[in-house]
Amino acid sequence: MHLRLDAPVLALEAGQLFALDDVRGTRIQPREGTLWITEEGEPKDFVIGPGEAFVVARAGRTLVQAVAPARVALTSANEPIAANDARPG
């Protein structure tokens, strides 16, 4: 899948889930709310909130679920960002 990123922002309700396929290098950044993220082949899951960002490091499927109502921005990791862009701990 080729994902063209023009800074879309998705609005998610608590519990809502979406999948991204083969989007290595995509930055997932919650503008509001908390997200749970898991990548295919990665044994750890990640939980991030506003002011944090997650960059997809693997090919395959990435699942993103809103833990609470959320607004999520998707951009290329090559684009500048003001918030922390490290993988959460």
Protein backbone atom coordinates (compact mmCIF):
# COMPACT_ATOMS: atom_id res chain seq x y z
CA MET A 1 0.00 0.00 0.00
CA HIS A 2 1.26 3.45 -0.83
CA LEU A 3 0.03 6.05 1.65
CA ARG A 4 0.16 9.65 0.54
CA LEU A 5 0.51 11.83 3.59
CA ASP A 6 -0.83 15.37 3.43
CA ALA A 7 -1.14 15.66 7.23
CA PRO A 8 -4.53 13.97 7.60
CA VAL A 9 -6.10 14.12 11.05
CA LEU A 10 -8.42 11.31 12.07
CA ALA A 11 -11.06 11.61 14.77
CA LEU A 12 -11.49 8.40 16.76
CA GLU A 13 -13.94 7.39 19.45
CA ALA A 14 -12.75 5.43 22.48
CA GLY A 15 -12.11 1.85 21.40
CA GLN A 16 -12.07 2.63 17.70
CA LEU A 17 -9.31 0.85 15.78
CA PHE A 18 -7.68 1.39 12.40
CA ALA A 19 -5.00 -0.50 10.51
CA LEU A 20 -2.13 0.80 8.41
CA ASP A 21 -0.35 -1.58 6.04
CA ASP A 22 3.29 -1.18 4.97
CA VAL A 23 3.68 2.44 6.10
CA ARG A 24 7.22 2.31 7.49
CA GLY A 25 8.39 5.86 8.21
CA THR A 26 4.92 7.19 9.02
CA ARG A 27 4.66 9.34 12.14
CA ILE A 28 1.55 8.78 14.28
CA GLN A 29 0.91 11.70 16.61
CA PRO A 30 -2.10 12.09 18.90
CA ARG A 31 -3.26 15.71 19.03
CA GLU A 32 -5.80 14.72 21.70
CA GLY A 33 -6.42 11.51 23.58
CA THR A 34 -4.35 8.37 24.12
CA LEU A 35 -3.41 5.73 21.55
CA TRP A 36 -2.38 2.10 21.83
CA ILE A 37 -0.13 1.03 18.94
CA THR A 38 1.17 -2.40 17.91
CA GLU A 39 3.36 -3.28 14.93
CA GLU A 40 3.47 -6.64 13.18
CA GLY A 41 6.58 -8.49 14.31
CA GLU A 42 7.27 -6.16 17.27
CA PRO A 43 6.83 -7.89 20.63
CA LYS A 44 6.21 -4.61 22.50
CA ASP A 45 3.08 -2.48 22.28
CA PHE A 46 3.20 1.28 22.76
CA VAL A 47 0.88 3.77 24.45
CA ILE A 48 1.30 7.44 23.56
CA GLY A 49 -0.50 10.69 24.28
CA PRO A 50 -0.46 14.32 23.16
CA GLY A 51 3.04 15.71 22.79
CA GLU A 52 4.43 12.29 21.86
CA ALA A 53 4.88 10.65 18.47
CA PHE A 54 5.45 7.14 17.20
CA VAL A 55 7.30 6.39 13.96
CA VAL A 56 6.39 3.09 12.28
CA ALA A 57 9.67 1.16 12.03
CA ARG A 58 8.50 -2.03 10.33
CA ALA A 59 6.79 -3.11 7.16
CA GLY A 60 3.57 -5.04 7.67
CA ARG A 61 0.44 -4.12 9.59
CA THR A 62 0.34 -1.46 12.29
CA LEU A 63 -2.77 -1.29 14.48
CA VAL A 64 -3.78 1.92 16.24
CA GLN A 65 -6.59 2.05 18.81
CA ALA A 66 -7.95 5.02 20.71
CA VAL A 67 -7.91 4.35 24.46
CA ALA A 68 -9.95 7.54 24.90
CA PRO A 69 -11.50 9.82 22.26
CA ALA A 70 -8.61 11.01 20.12
CA ARG A 71 -7.54 13.12 17.17
CA VAL A 72 -4.58 11.59 15.34
CA ALA A 73 -2.23 13.19 12.79
CA LEU A 74 -0.40 11.04 10.25
CA THR A 75 2.69 12.50 8.58
CA SER A 76 5.96 11.39 7.08
CA ALA A 77 8.76 11.04 9.63
CA ASN A 78 10.88 13.21 7.31
CA GLU A 79 8.68 16.24 7.98
CA PRO A 80 9.67 18.58 10.85
CA ILE A 81 7.87 18.10 14.15
CA ALA A 82 7.77 20.23 17.28
CA ALA A 83 7.00 17.43 19.75
CA ASN A 84 9.22 14.55 20.86
CA ASP A 85 9.61 12.04 18.02
CA ALA A 86 11.16 9.12 19.85
CA ARG A 87 9.62 5.73 20.37
CA PRO A 88 8.01 5.68 23.78
CA GLY A 89 10.01 3.85 26.38
